[in-house]
């Protein structure tokens, strides 16, 4: 899959959602792409995802919330900030009825990317 194919697949995913959810997904997409500008965008596990030296983040639309699936980050201050949004299995749930914390989402992505980049450095 080329980067263009991944972007087109993500756009198709967003287009299948209700208009109000599309706006949320586009805001999150812009945020995560800005936080990890060199990451590859694709569909994985049937939802949009970013990859750079492994999975950085997945996000998806659900009935009442946007789900964000960052692998666990061992950063206590960040864990404390996301605790309010914690869902089952380590995902984060942002209810559509509440303001979207885009700064927090960007911080999660940057933290995940930093972990991936540290693991990818030759020793």
PDB file of N, CA and C in Angstrom:
ATOM      1  N   UNK A   1       0.846  -1.185   0.000  1.00  0.00           N
ATOM      2  CA  UNK A   1       0.000   0.000   0.000  1.00  0.00           C
ATOM      3  C   UNK A   1       0.883   1.236   0.000  1.00  0.00           C
ATOM      4  N   UNK A   2       0.596   2.142  -0.887  1.00  0.00           N
ATOM      5  CA  UNK A   2       1.349   3.399  -0.949  1.00  0.00           C
ATOM      6  C   UNK A   2       0.759   4.396   0.050  1.00  0.00           C
ATOM      7  N   UNK A   3       1.511   5.435   0.389  1.00  0.00           N
ATOM      8  CA  UNK A   3       0.941   6.461   1.274  1.00  0.00           C
ATOM      9  C   UNK A   3      -0.354   7.050   0.729  1.00  0.00           C
ATOM     10  N   UNK A   4      -0.436   7.216  -0.589  1.00  0.00           N
ATOM     11  CA  UNK A   4      -1.668   7.756  -1.187  1.00  0.00           C
ATOM     12  C   UNK A   4      -2.832   6.790  -0.991  1.00  0.00           C
ATOM     13  N   UNK A   5      -2.548   5.485  -1.113  1.00  0.00           N
ATOM     14  CA  UNK A   5      -3.596   4.482  -0.880  1.00  0.00           C
ATOM     15  C   UNK A   5      -4.085   4.537   0.563  1.00  0.00           C
ATOM     16  N   UNK A   6      -3.149   4.691   1.503  1.00  0.00           N
ATOM     17  CA  UNK A   6      -3.516   4.774   2.916  1.00  0.00           C
ATOM     18  C   UNK A   6      -4.367   6.000   3.199  1.00  0.00           C
ATOM     19  N   UNK A   7      -3.970   7.131   2.638  1.00  0.00           N
ATOM     20  CA  UNK A   7      -4.741   8.360   2.838  1.00  0.00           C
ATOM     21  C   UNK A   7      -6.129   8.233   2.230  1.00  0.00           C
ATOM     22  N   UNK A   8      -6.225   7.620   1.052  1.00  0.00           N
ATOM     23  CA  UNK A   8      -7.529   7.435   0.407  1.00  0.00           C
ATOM     24  C   UNK A   8      -8.404   6.495   1.224  1.00  0.00           C
ATOM     25  N   UNK A   9      -7.816   5.464   1.792  1.00  0.00           N
ATOM     26  CA  UNK A   9      -8.586   4.520   2.614  1.00  0.00           C
ATOM     27  C   UNK A   9      -9.105   5.199   3.872  1.00  0.00           C
ATOM     28  N   UNK A  10      -8.291   6.058   4.475  1.00  0.00           N
ATOM     29  CA  UNK A  10      -8.728   6.795   5.667  1.00  0.00           C
ATOM     30  C   UNK A  10      -9.845   7.760   5.294  1.00  0.00           C
ATOM     31  N   UNK A  11      -9.701   8.440   4.178  1.00  0.00           N
ATOM     32  CA  UNK A  11     -10.746   9.368   3.730  1.00  0.00           C
ATOM     33  C   UNK A  11     -12.052   8.622   3.471  1.00  0.00           C
ATOM     34  N   UNK A  12     -11.977   7.421   2.898  1.00  0.00           N
ATOM     35  CA  UNK A  12     -13.173   6.607   2.655  1.00  0.00           C
ATOM     36  C   UNK A  12     -13.818   6.193   3.979  1.00  0.00           C
ATOM     37  N   UNK A  13     -13.007   5.844   4.969  1.00  0.00           N
ATOM     38  CA  UNK A  13     -13.522   5.498   6.303  1.00  0.00           C
ATOM     39  C   UNK A  13     -14.301   6.682   6.873  1.00  0.00           C
ATOM     40  N   UNK A  14     -13.715   7.859   6.799  1.00  0.00           N
ATOM     41  CA  UNK A  14     -14.354   9.058   7.346  1.00  0.00           C
ATOM     42  C   UNK A  14     -15.654   9.359   6.600  1.00  0.00           C
ATOM     43  N   UNK A  15     -15.641   9.212   5.288  1.00  0.00           N
ATOM     44  CA  UNK A  15     -16.817   9.523   4.468  1.00  0.00           C
ATOM     45  C   UNK A  15     -18.014   8.629   4.779  1.00  0.00           C
ATOM     46  N   UNK A  16     -17.772   7.452   5.322  1.00  0.00           N
ATOM     47  CA  UNK A  16     -18.873   6.527   5.669  1.00  0.00           C
ATOM     48  C   UNK A  16     -19.579   6.919   6.966  1.00  0.00           C
ATOM     49  N   UNK A  17     -19.023   7.863   7.694  1.00  0.00           N
ATOM     50  CA  UNK A  17     -19.583   8.257   8.989  1.00  0.00           C
ATOM     51  C   UNK A  17     -20.581   9.406   8.827  1.00  0.00           C
ATOM     52  N   UNK A  18     -21.390   9.591   9.866  1.00  0.00           N
ATOM     53  CA  UNK A  18     -22.344  10.707   9.891  1.00  0.00           C
ATOM     54  C   UNK A  18     -21.572  12.024   9.811  1.00  0.00           C
ATOM     55  N   UNK A  19     -22.173  13.058   9.214  1.00  0.00           N
ATOM     56  CA  UNK A  19     -21.457  14.334   9.040  1.00  0.00           C
ATOM     57  C   UNK A  19     -20.864  14.908  10.327  1.00  0.00           C
ATOM     58  N   UNK A  20     -21.582  14.842  11.433  1.00  0.00           N
ATOM     59  CA  UNK A  20     -21.043  15.401  12.682  1.00  0.00           C
ATOM     60  C   UNK A  20     -19.843  14.586  13.184  1.00  0.00           C
ATOM     61  N   UNK A  21     -19.845  13.293  12.926  1.00  0.00           N
ATOM     62  CA  UNK A  21     -18.716  12.442  13.316  1.00  0.00           C
ATOM     63  C   UNK A  21     -17.546  12.667  12.355  1.00  0.00           C
ATOM     64  N   UNK A  22     -17.848  12.920  11.096  1.00  0.00           N
ATOM     65  CA  UNK A  22     -16.794  13.216  10.127  1.00  0.00           C
ATOM     66  C   UNK A  22     -15.963  14.405  10.593  1.00  0.00           C
ATOM     67  N   UNK A  23     -16.620  15.419  11.111  1.00  0.00           N
ATOM     68  CA  UNK A  23     -15.905  16.613  11.582  1.00  0.00           C
ATOM     69  C   UNK A  23     -14.946  16.252  12.723  1.00  0.00           C
ATOM     70  N   UNK A  24     -15.388  15.406  13.629  1.00  0.00           N
ATOM     71  CA  UNK A  24     -14.540  14.965  14.744  1.00  0.00           C
ATOM     72  C   UNK A  24     -13.357  14.166  14.201  1.00  0.00           C
ATOM     73  N   UNK A  25     -13.634  13.233  13.308  1.00  0.00           N
ATOM     74  CA  UNK A  25     -12.567  12.403  12.746  1.00  0.00           C
ATOM     75  C   UNK A  25     -11.543  13.248  11.975  1.00  0.00           C
ATOM     76  N   UNK A  26     -12.018  14.218  11.242  1.00  0.00           N
ATOM     77  CA  UNK A  26     -11.085  15.076  10.489  1.00  0.00           C
ATOM     78  C   UNK A  26     -10.210  15.901  11.436  1.00  0.00           C
ATOM     79  N   UNK A  27     -10.784  16.375  12.516  1.00  0.00           N
ATOM     80  CA  UNK A  27      -9.996  17.133  13.501  1.00  0.00           C
ATOM     81  C   UNK A  27      -8.932  16.242  14.141  1.00  0.00           C
ATOM     82  N   UNK A  28      -9.316  15.026  14.474  1.00  0.00           N
ATOM     83  CA  UNK A  28      -8.357  14.093  15.074  1.00  0.00           C
ATOM     84  C   UNK A  28      -7.297  13.707  14.049  1.00  0.00           C
ATOM     85  N   UNK A  29      -7.717  13.450  12.831  1.00  0.00           N
ATOM     86  CA  UNK A  29      -6.761  13.094  11.779  1.00  0.00           C
ATOM     87  C   UNK A  29      -5.724  14.200  11.594  1.00  0.00           C
ATOM     88  N   UNK A  30      -6.174  15.419  11.503  1.00  0.00           N
ATOM     89  CA  UNK A  30      -5.256  16.539  11.341  1.00  0.00           C
ATOM     90  C   UNK A  30      -4.308  16.639  12.543  1.00  0.00           C
ATOM     91  N   UNK A  31      -4.830  16.439  13.730  1.00  0.00           N
ATOM     92  CA  UNK A  31      -4.034  16.527  14.952  1.00  0.00           C
ATOM     93  C   UNK A  31      -2.965  15.453  14.999  1.00  0.00           C
ATOM     94  N   UNK A  32      -3.340  14.199  14.739  1.00  0.00           N
ATOM     95  CA  UNK A  32      -2.368  13.113  14.841  1.00  0.00           C
ATOM     96  C   UNK A  32      -1.330  13.196  13.727  1.00  0.00           C
ATOM     97  N   UNK A  33      -1.744  13.626  12.542  1.00  0.00           N
ATOM     98  CA  UNK A  33      -0.783  13.767  11.441  1.00  0.00           C
ATOM     99  C   UNK A  33       0.204  14.899  11.717  1.00  0.00           C
ATOM    100  N   UNK A  34      -0.274  15.957  12.357  1.00  0.00           N
ATOM    101  CA  UNK A  34       0.622  17.059  12.713  1.00  0.00           C
ATOM    102  C   UNK A  34       1.599  16.622  13.803  1.00  0.00           C
ATOM    103  N   UNK A  35       1.141  15.811  14.742  1.00  0.00           N
ATOM    104  CA  UNK A  35       1.990  15.344  15.842  1.00  0.00           C
ATOM    105  C   UNK A  35       3.018  14.311  15.381  1.00  0.00           C
ATOM    106  N   UNK A  36       2.714  13.600  14.308  1.00  0.00           N
ATOM    107  CA  UNK A  36       3.626  12.578  13.768  1.00  0.00           C
ATOM    108  C   UNK A  36       3.668  12.738  12.246  1.00  0.00           C
ATOM    109  N   UNK A  37       4.285  13.810  11.765  1.00  0.00           N
ATOM    110  CA  UNK A  37       4.182  14.151  10.344  1.00  0.00           C
ATOM    111  C   UNK A  37       4.821  13.148   9.385  1.00  0.00           C
ATOM    112  N   UNK A  38       5.738  12.334   9.856  1.00  0.00           N
ATOM    113  CA  UNK A  38       6.381  11.375   8.960  1.00  0.00           C
ATOM    114  C   UNK A  38       5.784   9.977   9.078  1.00  0.00           C
ATOM    115  N   UNK A  39       4.792   9.821   9.928  1.00  0.00           N
ATOM    116  CA  UNK A  39       4.162   8.507  10.103  1.00  0.00           C
ATOM    117  C   UNK A  39       3.327   8.160   8.876  1.00  0.00           C
ATOM    118  N   UNK A  40       3.224   6.866   8.616  1.00  0.00           N
ATOM    119  CA  UNK A  40       2.426   6.361   7.499  1.00  0.00           C
ATOM    120  C   UNK A  40       0.988   6.176   7.953  1.00  0.00           C
ATOM    121  N   UNK A  41       0.090   6.729   7.190  1.00  0.00           N
ATOM    122  CA  UNK A  41      -1.339   6.632   7.482  1.00  0.00           C
ATOM    123  C   UNK A  41      -1.905   5.413   6.740  1.00  0.00           C
ATOM    124  N   UNK A  42      -2.720   4.628   7.439  1.00  0.00           N
ATOM    125  CA  UNK A  42      -3.351   3.472   6.810  1.00  0.00           C
ATOM    126  C   UNK A  42      -4.544   3.010   7.626  1.00  0.00           C
ATOM    127  N   UNK A  43      -5.274   2.060   7.076  1.00  0.00           N
ATOM    128  CA  UNK A  43      -6.344   1.408   7.818  1.00  0.00           C
ATOM    129  C   UNK A  43      -5.769   0.110   8.388  1.00  0.00           C
ATOM    130  N   UNK A  44      -5.966  -0.094   9.671  1.00  0.00           N
ATOM    131  CA  UNK A  44      -5.509  -1.300  10.345  1.00  0.00           C
ATOM    132  C   UNK A  44      -6.546  -1.641  11.402  1.00  0.00           C
ATOM    133  N   UNK A  45      -6.877  -2.896  11.527  1.00  0.00           N
ATOM    134  CA  UNK A  45      -7.958  -3.310  12.427  1.00  0.00           C
ATOM    135  C   UNK A  45      -9.246  -2.550  12.115  1.00  0.00           C
ATOM    136  N   UNK A  46      -9.462  -2.271  10.853  1.00  0.00           N
ATOM    137  CA  UNK A  46     -10.656  -1.607  10.336  1.00  0.00           C
ATOM    138  C   UNK A  46     -10.849  -0.185  10.864  1.00  0.00           C
ATOM    139  N   UNK A  47      -9.737   0.486  11.203  1.00  0.00           N
ATOM    140  CA  UNK A  47      -9.827   1.883  11.621  1.00  0.00           C
ATOM    141  C   UNK A  47      -8.564   2.627  11.180  1.00  0.00           C
ATOM    142  N   UNK A  48      -8.637   3.954  11.096  1.00  0.00           N
ATOM    143  CA  UNK A  48      -7.456   4.732  10.728  1.00  0.00           C
ATOM    144  C   UNK A  48      -6.335   4.548  11.754  1.00  0.00           C
ATOM    145  N   UNK A  49      -5.111   4.539  11.249  1.00  0.00           N
ATOM    146  CA  UNK A  49      -3.949   4.345  12.119  1.00  0.00           C
ATOM    147  C   UNK A  49      -2.749   5.071  11.539  1.00  0.00           C
ATOM    148  N   UNK A  50      -1.790   5.354  12.407  1.00  0.00           N
ATOM    149  CA  UNK A  50      -0.500   5.898  12.000  1.00  0.00           C
ATOM    150  C   UNK A  50       0.583   4.924  12.446  1.00  0.00           C
ATOM    151  N   UNK A  51       1.543   4.702  11.559  1.00  0.00           N
ATOM    152  CA  UNK A  51       2.655   3.805  11.846  1.00  0.00           C
ATOM    153  C   UNK A  51       3.974   4.510  11.552  1.00  0.00           C
ATOM    154  N   UNK A  52       4.898   4.387  12.469  1.00  0.00           N
ATOM    155  CA  UNK A  52       6.271   4.825  12.270  1.00  0.00           C
ATOM    156  C   UNK A  52       7.110   4.003  13.233  1.00  0.00           C
ATOM    157  N   UNK A  53       7.863   3.074  12.705  1.00  0.00           N
ATOM    158  CA  UNK A  53       8.612   2.113  13.523  1.00  0.00           C
ATOM    159  C   UNK A  53       7.656   1.369  14.448  1.00  0.00           C
ATOM    160  N   UNK A  54       6.513   0.989  13.925  1.00  0.00           N
ATOM    161  CA  UNK A  54       5.470   0.315  14.683  1.00  0.00           C
ATOM    162  C   UNK A  54       4.243   1.204  14.809  1.00  0.00           C
ATOM    163  N   UNK A  55       3.229   0.675  15.460  1.00  0.00           N
ATOM    164  CA  UNK A  55       1.983   1.422  15.633  1.00  0.00           C
ATOM    165  C   UNK A  55       2.213   2.632  16.521  1.00  0.00           C
ATOM    166  N   UNK A  56       1.725   3.772  16.067  1.00  0.00           N
ATOM    167  CA  UNK A  56       1.769   4.990  16.875  1.00  0.00           C
ATOM    168  C   UNK A  56       0.405   5.176  17.527  1.00  0.00           C
ATOM    169  N   UNK A  57      -0.654   5.161  16.715  1.00  0.00           N
ATOM    170  CA  UNK A  57      -1.999   5.370  17.243  1.00  0.00           C
ATOM    171  C   UNK A  57      -3.035   4.840  16.249  1.00  0.00           C
ATOM    172  N   UNK A  58      -4.141   4.369  16.786  1.00  0.00           N
ATOM    173  CA  UNK A  58      -5.332   4.008  16.025  1.00  0.00           C
ATOM    174  C   UNK A  58      -6.458   4.892  16.543  1.00  0.00           C
ATOM    175  N   UNK A  59      -7.410   5.236  15.680  1.00  0.00           N
ATOM    176  CA  UNK A  59      -8.585   5.968  16.151  1.00  0.00           C
ATOM    177  C   UNK A  59      -9.785   5.525  15.331  1.00  0.00           C
ATOM    178  N   UNK A  60     -10.954   5.549  15.970  1.00  0.00           N
ATOM    179  CA  UNK A  60     -12.134   5.084  15.271  1.00  0.00           C
ATOM    180  C   UNK A  60     -13.411   5.676  15.830  1.00  0.00           C
ATOM    181  N   UNK A  61     -14.421   5.691  14.961  1.00  0.00           N
ATOM    182  CA  UNK A  61     -15.725   6.242  15.327  1.00  0.00           C
ATOM    183  C   UNK A  61     -16.613   5.144  15.892  1.00  0.00           C
ATOM    184  N   UNK A  62     -17.228   5.433  17.011  1.00  0.00           N
ATOM    185  CA  UNK A  62     -18.197   4.538  17.626  1.00  0.00           C
ATOM    186  C   UNK A  62     -19.480   5.327  17.857  1.00  0.00           C
ATOM    187  N   UNK A  63     -20.506   4.665  18.324  1.00  0.00           N
ATOM    188  CA  UNK A  63     -21.817   5.290  18.426  1.00  0.00           C
ATOM    189  C   UNK A  63     -21.813   6.569  19.267  1.00  0.00           C
ATOM    190  N   UNK A  64     -21.213   6.526  20.437  1.00  0.00           N
ATOM    191  CA  UNK A  64     -21.248   7.655  21.357  1.00  0.00           C
ATOM    192  C   UNK A  64     -19.893   8.352  21.566  1.00  0.00           C
ATOM    193  N   UNK A  65     -18.842   7.777  20.993  1.00  0.00           N
ATOM    194  CA  UNK A  65     -17.515   8.324  21.271  1.00  0.00           C
ATOM    195  C   UNK A  65     -16.528   8.025  20.151  1.00  0.00           C
ATOM    196  N   UNK A  66     -15.438   8.759  20.187  1.00  0.00           N
ATOM    197  CA  UNK A  66     -14.287   8.470  19.357  1.00  0.00           C
ATOM    198  C   UNK A  66     -13.342   7.643  20.220  1.00  0.00           C
ATOM    199  N   UNK A  67     -12.884   6.534  19.691  1.00  0.00           N
ATOM    200  CA  UNK A  67     -11.927   5.701  20.407  1.00  0.00           C
ATOM    201  C   UNK A  67     -10.522   5.987  19.923  1.00  0.00           C
ATOM    202  N   UNK A  68      -9.590   6.085  20.852  1.00  0.00           N
ATOM    203  CA  UNK A  68      -8.183   6.281  20.534  1.00  0.00           C
ATOM    204  C   UNK A  68      -7.432   5.150  21.201  1.00  0.00           C
ATOM    205  N   UNK A  69      -6.627   4.470  20.416  1.00  0.00           N
ATOM    206  CA  UNK A  69      -5.945   3.281  20.909  1.00  0.00           C
ATOM    207  C   UNK A  69      -4.442   3.471  20.861  1.00  0.00           C
ATOM    208  N   UNK A  70      -3.916   4.121  21.857  1.00  0.00           N
ATOM    209  CA  UNK A  70      -2.461   4.167  21.949  1.00  0.00           C
ATOM    210  C   UNK A  70      -1.993   2.977  22.781  1.00  0.00           C
ATOM    211  N   UNK A  71      -0.940   2.334  22.361  1.00  0.00           N
ATOM    212  CA  UNK A  71      -0.358   1.351  23.275  1.00  0.00           C
ATOM    213  C   UNK A  71       0.008   2.053  24.584  1.00  0.00           C
ATOM    214  N   UNK A  72       0.096   1.320  25.652  1.00  0.00           N
ATOM    215  CA  UNK A  72       0.346   1.899  26.976  1.00  0.00           C
ATOM    216  C   UNK A  72       1.626   2.730  26.956  1.00  0.00           C
ATOM    217  N   UNK A  73       1.550   3.922  27.507  1.00  0.00           N
ATOM    218  CA  UNK A  73       2.692   4.827  27.585  1.00  0.00           C
ATOM    219  C   UNK A  73       3.144   4.881  29.038  1.00  0.00           C
ATOM    220  N   UNK A  74       4.408   4.626  29.265  1.00  0.00           N
ATOM    221  CA  UNK A  74       4.948   4.654  30.628  1.00  0.00           C
ATOM    222  C   UNK A  74       5.423   6.055  30.991  1.00  0.00           C
ATOM    223  N   UNK A  75       4.493   6.972  30.985  1.00  0.00           N
ATOM    224  CA  UNK A  75       4.782   8.352  31.343  1.00  0.00           C
ATOM    225  C   UNK A  75       3.712   8.766  32.357  1.00  0.00           C
ATOM    226  N   UNK A  76       4.037   8.752  33.653  1.00  0.00           N
ATOM    227  CA  UNK A  76       3.027   8.991  34.690  1.00  0.00           C
ATOM    228  C   UNK A  76       2.210  10.272  34.517  1.00  0.00           C
ATOM    229  N   UNK A  77       2.841  11.368  34.149  1.00  0.00           N
ATOM    230  CA  UNK A  77       2.101  12.629  34.004  1.00  0.00           C
ATOM    231  C   UNK A  77       1.068  12.519  32.888  1.00  0.00           C
ATOM    232  N   UNK A  78       1.423  11.864  31.799  1.00  0.00           N
ATOM    233  CA  UNK A  78       0.488  11.696  30.693  1.00  0.00           C
ATOM    234  C   UNK A  78      -0.620  10.722  31.069  1.00  0.00           C
ATOM    235  N   UNK A  79      -0.267   9.650  31.753  1.00  0.00           N
ATOM    236  CA  UNK A  79      -1.284   8.694  32.214  1.00  0.00           C
ATOM    237  C   UNK A  79      -2.309   9.383  33.105  1.00  0.00           C
ATOM    238  N   UNK A  80      -1.843  10.281  33.943  1.00  0.00           N
ATOM    239  CA  UNK A  80      -2.747  11.024  34.827  1.00  0.00           C
ATOM    240  C   UNK A  80      -3.689  11.914  34.010  1.00  0.00           C
ATOM    241  N   UNK A  81      -3.157  12.552  32.975  1.00  0.00           N
ATOM    242  CA  UNK A  81      -3.978  13.443  32.139  1.00  0.00           C
ATOM    243  C   UNK A  81      -5.038  12.680  31.341  1.00  0.00           C
ATOM    244  N   UNK A  82      -4.747  11.454  30.942  1.00  0.00           N
ATOM    245  CA  UNK A  82      -5.706  10.694  30.134  1.00  0.00           C
ATOM    246  C   UNK A  82      -6.650   9.843  30.979  1.00  0.00           C
ATOM    247  N   UNK A  83      -6.412   9.755  32.274  1.00  0.00           N
ATOM    248  CA  UNK A  83      -7.198   8.868  33.153  1.00  0.00           C
ATOM    249  C   UNK A  83      -8.699   9.108  33.022  1.00  0.00           C
ATOM    250  N   UNK A  84      -9.087  10.330  32.883  1.00  0.00           N
ATOM    251  CA  UNK A  84     -10.516  10.684  32.758  1.00  0.00           C
ATOM    252  C   UNK A  84     -11.170  10.019  31.548  1.00  0.00           C
ATOM    253  N   UNK A  85     -10.378   9.752  30.527  1.00  0.00           N
ATOM    254  CA  UNK A  85     -10.902   9.203  29.275  1.00  0.00           C
ATOM    255  C   UNK A  85     -10.650   7.707  29.131  1.00  0.00           C
ATOM    256  N   UNK A  86     -10.091   7.084  30.158  1.00  0.00           N
ATOM    257  CA  UNK A  86      -9.710   5.677  30.068  1.00  0.00           C
ATOM    258  C   UNK A  86     -10.924   4.787  29.838  1.00  0.00           C
ATOM    259  N   UNK A  87     -10.771   3.920  28.863  1.00  0.00           N
ATOM    260  CA  UNK A  87     -11.791   2.923  28.567  1.00  0.00           C
ATOM    261  C   UNK A  87     -11.204   1.540  28.815  1.00  0.00           C
ATOM    262  N   UNK A  88     -11.921   0.520  28.420  1.00  0.00           N
ATOM    263  CA  UNK A  88     -11.407  -0.833  28.604  1.00  0.00           C
ATOM    264  C   UNK A  88     -10.203  -1.107  27.699  1.00  0.00           C
ATOM    265  N   UNK A  89      -9.347  -1.982  28.147  1.00  0.00           N
ATOM    266  CA  UNK A  89      -8.206  -2.455  27.349  1.00  0.00           C
ATOM    267  C   UNK A  89      -7.223  -1.357  26.964  1.00  0.00           C
ATOM    268  N   UNK A  90      -7.108  -0.323  27.765  1.00  0.00           N
ATOM    269  CA  UNK A  90      -6.104   0.698  27.515  1.00  0.00           C
ATOM    270  C   UNK A  90      -6.454   1.734  26.469  1.00  0.00           C
ATOM    271  N   UNK A  91      -7.668   1.673  25.944  1.00  0.00           N
ATOM    272  CA  UNK A  91      -8.050   2.685  24.958  1.00  0.00           C
ATOM    273  C   UNK A  91      -8.559   3.935  25.656  1.00  0.00           C
ATOM    274  N   UNK A  92      -8.679   4.994  24.879  1.00  0.00           N
ATOM    275  CA  UNK A  92      -9.249   6.231  25.393  1.00  0.00           C
ATOM    276  C   UNK A  92     -10.570   6.467  24.675  1.00  0.00           C
ATOM    277  N   UNK A  93     -11.547   7.013  25.396  1.00  0.00           N
ATOM    278  CA  UNK A  93     -12.861   7.283  24.813  1.00  0.00           C
ATOM    279  C   UNK A  93     -13.204   8.751  25.010  1.00  0.00           C
ATOM    280  N   UNK A  94     -13.412   9.423  23.880  1.00  0.00           N
ATOM    281  CA  UNK A  94     -13.769  10.833  23.895  1.00  0.00           C
ATOM    282  C   UNK A  94     -15.207  10.951  23.417  1.00  0.00           C
ATOM    283  N   UNK A  95     -16.096  11.282  24.330  1.00  0.00           N
ATOM    284  CA  UNK A  95     -17.525  11.374  23.999  1.00  0.00           C
ATOM    285  C   UNK A  95     -17.769  12.542  23.053  1.00  0.00           C
ATOM    286  N   UNK A  96     -18.616  12.300  22.063  1.00  0.00           N
ATOM    287  CA  UNK A  96     -18.929  13.338  21.083  1.00  0.00           C
ATOM    288  C   UNK A  96     -19.601  14.545  21.729  1.00  0.00           C
ATOM    289  N   UNK A  97     -20.284  14.336  22.853  1.00  0.00           N
ATOM    290  CA  UNK A  97     -21.016  15.416  23.511  1.00  0.00           C
ATOM    291  C   UNK A  97     -20.092  16.376  24.272  1.00  0.00           C
ATOM    292  N   UNK A  98     -18.811  16.031  24.382  1.00  0.00           N
ATOM    293  CA  UNK A  98     -17.854  16.866  25.117  1.00  0.00           C
ATOM    294  C   UNK A  98     -16.829  17.463  24.159  1.00  0.00           C
ATOM    295  N   UNK A  99     -16.210  18.574  24.543  1.00  0.00           N
ATOM    296  CA  UNK A  99     -15.149  19.142  23.700  1.00  0.00           C
ATOM    297  C   UNK A  99     -14.003  18.144  23.531  1.00  0.00           C
ATOM    298  N   UNK A 100     -13.472  18.089  22.352  1.00  0.00           N
ATOM    299  CA  UNK A 100     -12.391  17.165  22.031  1.00  0.00           C
ATOM    300  C   UNK A 100     -11.048  17.746  22.506  1.00  0.00           C
ATOM    301  N   UNK A 101     -10.308  17.040  23.366  1.00  0.00           N
ATOM    302  CA  UNK A 101      -9.027  17.555  23.874  1.00  0.00           C
ATOM    303  C   UNK A 101      -7.892  17.301  22.873  1.00  0.00           C
ATOM    304  N   UNK A 102      -7.847  18.092  21.824  1.00  0.00           N
ATOM    305  CA  UNK A 102      -6.880  17.868  20.743  1.00  0.00           C
ATOM    306  C   UNK A 102      -5.433  17.998  21.213  1.00  0.00           C
ATOM    307  N   UNK A 103      -5.167  18.890  22.145  1.00  0.00           N
ATOM    308  CA  UNK A 103      -3.804  19.034  22.668  1.00  0.00           C
ATOM    309  C   UNK A 103      -3.383  17.752  23.374  1.00  0.00           C
ATOM    310  N   UNK A 104      -4.265  17.180  24.154  1.00  0.00           N
ATOM    311  CA  UNK A 104      -3.979  15.928  24.847  1.00  0.00           C
ATOM    312  C   UNK A 104      -3.750  14.800  23.836  1.00  0.00           C
ATOM    313  N   UNK A 105      -4.581  14.728  22.820  1.00  0.00           N
ATOM    314  CA  UNK A 105      -4.421  13.697  21.790  1.00  0.00           C
ATOM    315  C   UNK A 105      -3.060  13.844  21.110  1.00  0.00           C
ATOM    316  N   UNK A 106      -2.671  15.061  20.787  1.00  0.00           N
ATOM    317  CA  UNK A 106      -1.359  15.296  20.177  1.00  0.00           C
ATOM    318  C   UNK A 106      -0.234  14.869  21.115  1.00  0.00           C
ATOM    319  N   UNK A 107      -0.387  15.142  22.398  1.00  0.00           N
ATOM    320  CA  UNK A 107       0.640  14.745  23.367  1.00  0.00           C
ATOM    321  C   UNK A 107       0.762  13.228  23.461  1.00  0.00           C
ATOM    322  N   UNK A 108      -0.360  12.524  23.403  1.00  0.00           N
ATOM    323  CA  UNK A 108      -0.337  11.056  23.415  1.00  0.00           C
ATOM    324  C   UNK A 108       0.418  10.543  22.188  1.00  0.00           C
ATOM    325  N   UNK A 109       0.115  11.112  21.034  1.00  0.00           N
ATOM    326  CA  UNK A 109       0.769  10.681  19.793  1.00  0.00           C
ATOM    327  C   UNK A 109       2.271  10.957  19.855  1.00  0.00           C
ATOM    328  N   UNK A 110       2.655  12.136  20.307  1.00  0.00           N
ATOM    329  CA  UNK A 110       4.087  12.460  20.394  1.00  0.00           C
ATOM    330  C   UNK A 110       4.808  11.524  21.373  1.00  0.00           C
ATOM    331  N   UNK A 111       4.152  11.190  22.481  1.00  0.00           N
ATOM    332  CA  UNK A 111       4.760  10.279  23.455  1.00  0.00           C
ATOM    333  C   UNK A 111       4.925   8.885  22.860  1.00  0.00           C
ATOM    334  N   UNK A 112       3.910   8.409  22.161  1.00  0.00           N
ATOM    335  CA  UNK A 112       3.998   7.087  21.514  1.00  0.00           C
ATOM    336  C   UNK A 112       5.082   7.093  20.440  1.00  0.00           C
ATOM    337  N   UNK A 113       5.153   8.150  19.662  1.00  0.00           N
ATOM    338  CA  UNK A 113       6.164   8.239  18.621  1.00  0.00           C
ATOM    339  C   UNK A 113       7.565   8.235  19.232  1.00  0.00           C
ATOM    340  N   UNK A 114       7.753   8.952  20.322  1.00  0.00           N
ATOM    341  CA  UNK A 114       9.058   8.987  20.986  1.00  0.00           C
ATOM    342  C   UNK A 114       9.474   7.591  21.442  1.00  0.00           C
ATOM    343  N   UNK A 115       8.536   6.823  21.967  1.00  0.00           N
ATOM    344  CA  UNK A 115       8.835   5.443  22.380  1.00  0.00           C
ATOM    345  C   UNK A 115       9.257   4.625  21.163  1.00  0.00           C
ATOM    346  N   UNK A 116       8.512   4.738  20.076  1.00  0.00           N
ATOM    347  CA  UNK A 116       8.847   3.981  18.863  1.00  0.00           C
ATOM    348  C   UNK A 116      10.218   4.373  18.320  1.00  0.00           C
ATOM    349  N   UNK A 117      10.509   5.658  18.290  1.00  0.00           N
ATOM    350  CA  UNK A 117      11.790   6.121  17.760  1.00  0.00           C
ATOM    351  C   UNK A 117      12.949   5.677  18.643  1.00  0.00           C
ATOM    352  N   UNK A 118      12.735   5.677  19.952  1.00  0.00           N
ATOM    353  CA  UNK A 118      13.796   5.226  20.869  1.00  0.00           C
ATOM    354  C   UNK A 118      14.090   3.746  20.658  1.00  0.00           C
ATOM    355  N   UNK A 119      13.066   2.960  20.436  1.00  0.00           N
ATOM    356  CA  UNK A 119      13.263   1.523  20.185  1.00  0.00           C
ATOM    357  C   UNK A 119      13.941   1.276  18.841  1.00  0.00           C
ATOM    358  N   UNK A 120      13.744   2.174  17.887  1.00  0.00           N
ATOM    359  CA  UNK A 120      14.284   1.978  16.542  1.00  0.00           C
ATOM    360  C   UNK A 120      15.742   2.416  16.414  1.00  0.00           C
ATOM    361  N   UNK A 121      16.241   3.192  17.371  1.00  0.00           N
ATOM    362  CA  UNK A 121      17.637   3.663  17.287  1.00  0.00           C
ATOM    363  C   UNK A 121      18.589   2.481  17.412  1.00  0.00           C
ATOM    364  N   UNK A 122      19.604   2.447  16.560  1.00  0.00           N
ATOM    365  CA  UNK A 122      20.599   1.380  16.689  1.00  0.00           C
ATOM    366  C   UNK A 122      21.384   1.550  17.979  1.00  0.00           C
ATOM    367  N   UNK A 123      21.719   0.440  18.559  1.00  0.00           N
ATOM    368  CA  UNK A 123      22.432   0.490  19.849  1.00  0.00           C
ATOM    369  C   UNK A 123      23.902   0.270  19.658  1.00  0.00           C
TER     370      UNK A 123
END
